[in-house]
C-alpha atoms as a PDB file:
ATOM      1  CA  MET A   1     -53.405 -37.918  51.879  1.00  0.00           C
ATOM      2  CA  GLU A   2     -56.938 -37.815  50.573  1.00  0.00           C
ATOM      3  CA  ILE A   3     -59.008 -34.782  49.580  1.00  0.00           C
ATOM      4  CA  ILE A   4     -62.755 -34.579  49.518  1.00  0.00           C
ATOM      5  CA  VAL A   5     -64.396 -31.503  47.909  1.00  0.00           C
ATOM      6  CA  ASN A   6     -67.394 -30.586  49.970  1.00  0.00           C
ATOM      7  CA  GLU A   7     -68.681 -27.471  48.302  1.00  0.00           C
ATOM      8  CA  LYS A   8     -68.063 -25.429  45.206  1.00  0.00           C
ATOM      9  CA  ILE A   9     -69.586 -21.983  44.992  1.00  0.00           C
ATOM     10  CA  GLU A  10     -69.456 -19.820  41.893  1.00  0.00           C
ATOM     11  CA  ASN A  11     -68.627 -16.205  42.580  1.00  0.00           C
ATOM     12  CA  PRO A  12     -69.217 -14.244  39.358  1.00  0.00           C
ATOM     13  CA  LEU A  13     -68.438 -10.859  40.891  1.00  0.00           C
ATOM     14  CA  LEU A  14     -64.840 -11.924  41.609  1.00  0.00           C
ATOM     15  CA  ASN A  15     -64.528 -14.280  38.572  1.00  0.00           C
ATOM     16  CA  ARG A  16     -63.730 -17.281  40.757  1.00  0.00           C
ATOM     17  CA  THR A  17     -65.016 -20.549  42.165  1.00  0.00           C
ATOM     18  CA  GLU A  18     -64.663 -20.935  45.927  1.00  0.00           C
ATOM     19  CA  ILE A  19     -63.923 -24.490  47.092  1.00  0.00           C
ATOM     20  CA  ARG A  20     -64.271 -25.933  50.627  1.00  0.00           C
ATOM     21  CA  PHE A  21     -62.628 -29.250  51.189  1.00  0.00           C
ATOM     22  CA  ASP A  22     -61.641 -31.813  53.781  1.00  0.00           C
ATOM     23  CA  CYS A  23     -58.126 -33.373  53.799  1.00  0.00           C
ATOM     24  CA  THR A  24     -57.518 -36.618  55.592  1.00  0.00           C
ATOM     25  CA  TYR A  25     -53.911 -37.644  56.428  1.00  0.00           C
ATOM     26  CA  GLN A  26     -54.066 -40.365  59.108  1.00  0.00           C
ATOM     27  CA  GLY A  27     -50.557 -41.190  60.585  1.00  0.00           C
ATOM     28  CA  GLU A  28     -48.794 -38.407  58.659  1.00  0.00           C
ATOM     29  CA  ALA A  29     -47.735 -34.872  59.474  1.00  0.00           C
ATOM     30  CA  THR A  30     -49.983 -32.006  58.510  1.00  0.00           C
ATOM     31  CA  PRO A  31     -49.530 -31.533  54.801  1.00  0.00           C
ATOM     32  CA  LYS A  32     -47.929 -28.308  53.411  1.00  0.00           C
ATOM     33  CA  VAL A  33     -50.104 -25.868  51.452  1.00  0.00           C
ATOM     34  CA  LEU A  34     -48.226 -26.732  48.303  1.00  0.00           C
ATOM     35  CA  ASP A  35     -48.856 -30.475  48.686  1.00  0.00           C
ATOM     36  CA  VAL A  36     -52.530 -29.826  49.195  1.00  0.00           C
ATOM     37  CA  LYS A  37     -52.602 -27.460  46.182  1.00  0.00           C
ATOM     38  CA  ASN A  38     -50.985 -30.124  43.962  1.00  0.00           C
ATOM     39  CA  ARG A  39     -53.477 -32.740  45.081  1.00  0.00           C
ATOM     40  CA  LEU A  40     -56.445 -30.383  44.458  1.00  0.00           C
ATOM     41  CA  VAL A  41     -55.153 -29.504  41.041  1.00  0.00           C
ATOM     42  CA  ALA A  42     -55.031 -33.231  40.224  1.00  0.00           C
ATOM     43  CA  THR A  43     -58.477 -33.933  41.792  1.00  0.00           C
ATOM     44  CA  LEU A  44     -60.228 -31.029  39.976  1.00  0.00           C
ATOM     45  CA  ASN A  45     -58.203 -31.252  36.799  1.00  0.00           C
ATOM     46  CA  VAL A  46     -57.536 -27.493  36.593  1.00  0.00           C
ATOM     47  CA  ASP A  47     -54.613 -25.167  35.831  1.00  0.00           C
ATOM     48  CA  LYS A  48     -52.151 -25.003  38.657  1.00  0.00           C
ATOM     49  CA  ASN A  49     -51.514 -21.292  38.172  1.00  0.00           C
ATOM     50  CA  LEU A  50     -55.276 -20.440  38.631  1.00  0.00           C
ATOM     51  CA  LEU A  51     -55.740 -22.220  42.015  1.00  0.00           C
ATOM     52  CA  VAL A  52     -54.882 -20.689  45.335  1.00  0.00           C
ATOM     53  CA  VAL A  53     -55.197 -22.559  48.687  1.00  0.00           C
ATOM     54  CA  HIS A  54     -56.289 -19.746  51.067  1.00  0.00           C
ATOM     55  CA  ASN A  55     -56.115 -21.687  54.337  1.00  0.00           C
ATOM     56  CA  LEU A  56     -55.842 -25.081  55.864  1.00  0.00           C
ATOM     57  CA  LYS A  57     -57.081 -25.662  59.380  1.00  0.00           C
ATOM     58  CA  PRO A  58     -55.989 -28.938  61.062  1.00  0.00           C
ATOM     59  CA  SER A  59     -58.202 -30.577  63.715  1.00  0.00           C
ATOM     60  CA  TYR A  60     -56.182 -31.383  66.768  1.00  0.00           C
ATOM     61  CA  GLY A  61     -55.425 -35.108  67.107  1.00  0.00           C
ATOM     62  CA  GLU A  62     -57.690 -36.321  64.328  1.00  0.00           C
ATOM     63  CA  GLY A  63     -55.458 -36.397  61.177  1.00  0.00           C
ATOM     64  CA  LYS A  64     -57.958 -34.205  59.373  1.00  0.00           C
ATOM     65  CA  ALA A  65     -58.018 -30.618  58.098  1.00  0.00           C
ATOM     66  CA  HIS A  66     -60.579 -28.296  56.638  1.00  0.00           C
ATOM     67  CA  GLY A  67     -59.542 -26.066  53.777  1.00  0.00           C
ATOM     68  CA  TYR A  68     -60.618 -23.224  51.592  1.00  0.00           C
ATOM     69  CA  ALA A  69     -59.290 -22.650  48.081  1.00  0.00           C
ATOM     70  CA  LYS A  70     -60.140 -20.256  45.218  1.00  0.00           C
ATOM     71  CA  LEU A  71     -60.103 -21.104  41.508  1.00  0.00           C
ATOM     72  CA  TYR A  72     -59.818 -18.009  39.293  1.00  0.00           C
ATOM     73  CA  ASP A  73     -60.717 -17.745  35.622  1.00  0.00           C
ATOM     74  CA  SER A  74     -57.496 -15.941  34.724  1.00  0.00           C
ATOM     75  CA  GLU A  75     -54.139 -15.160  36.238  1.00  0.00           C
ATOM     76  CA  GLU A  76     -54.841 -11.473  35.818  1.00  0.00           C
ATOM     77  CA  ASN A  77     -57.907 -11.626  38.123  1.00  0.00           C
ATOM     78  CA  LEU A  78     -55.940 -13.750  40.618  1.00  0.00           C
ATOM     79  CA  ASN A  79     -53.155 -11.239  40.921  1.00  0.00           C
ATOM     80  CA  LYS A  80     -55.552  -8.281  40.937  1.00  0.00           C
ATOM     81  CA  ILE A  81     -57.718  -9.739  43.805  1.00  0.00           C
ATOM     82  CA  GLU A  82     -55.488 -11.899  46.001  1.00  0.00           C
ATOM     83  CA  ARG A  83     -53.166 -10.563  48.607  1.00  0.00           C
ATOM     84  CA  ASP A  84     -49.460 -10.926  48.149  1.00  0.00           C
ATOM     85  CA  HIS A  85     -48.856 -13.187  51.122  1.00  0.00           C
ATOM     86  CA  VAL A  86     -51.475 -15.712  49.876  1.00  0.00           C
ATOM     87  CA  VAL A  87     -49.999 -15.758  46.355  1.00  0.00           C
ATOM     88  CA  SER A  88     -46.430 -16.140  47.695  1.00  0.00           C
ATOM     89  CA  LYS A  89     -47.282 -19.129  49.916  1.00  0.00           C
ATOM     90  CA  ASN A  90     -48.793 -20.838  46.888  1.00  0.00           C
ATOM     91  CA  LYS A  91     -45.779 -20.176  44.632  1.00  0.00           C
ATOM     92  CA  GLU A  92     -42.805 -21.155  46.809  1.00  0.00           C
ATOM     93  CA  ALA A  93     -42.026 -24.307  44.908  1.00  0.00           C
ATOM     94  CA  ALA A  94     -41.436 -22.385  41.631  1.00  0.00           C
ATOM     95  CA  LYS A  95     -38.883 -20.222  43.346  1.00  0.00           C
ATOM     96  CA  GLU A  96     -37.035 -23.223  44.697  1.00  0.00           C
ATOM     97  CA  ASP A  97     -36.995 -24.933  41.340  1.00  0.00           C
ATOM     98  CA  GLU A  98     -35.463 -21.903  39.713  1.00  0.00           C
ATOM     99  CA  GLU A  99     -32.702 -21.699  42.378  1.00  0.00           C
ATOM    100  CA  ALA A 100     -31.872 -25.347  41.909  1.00  0.00           C
ATOM    101  CA  GLU A 101     -31.223 -24.949  38.141  1.00  0.00           C
END
């Protein structure tokens, strides 16, 4: 899976950076949101807790997807602004890790 960042827009009113990206995954299944989030964190070299992948829209039959993510300046702003369902789909791995221990 390869991620290419197309656009980064600073949004000072909401204390975040909005990121539009393309994800290429030829010959593989559509990646899960958490896999894309981990790859974006590595690509952008940012804190995992401040990045939220809002959506991922695959293109039918092409092995590509277009995505939209938000990078907040603090966890407080993230929790204040983002909806619960978006935050929960970006934090599932942490819940599974706690249950495994």
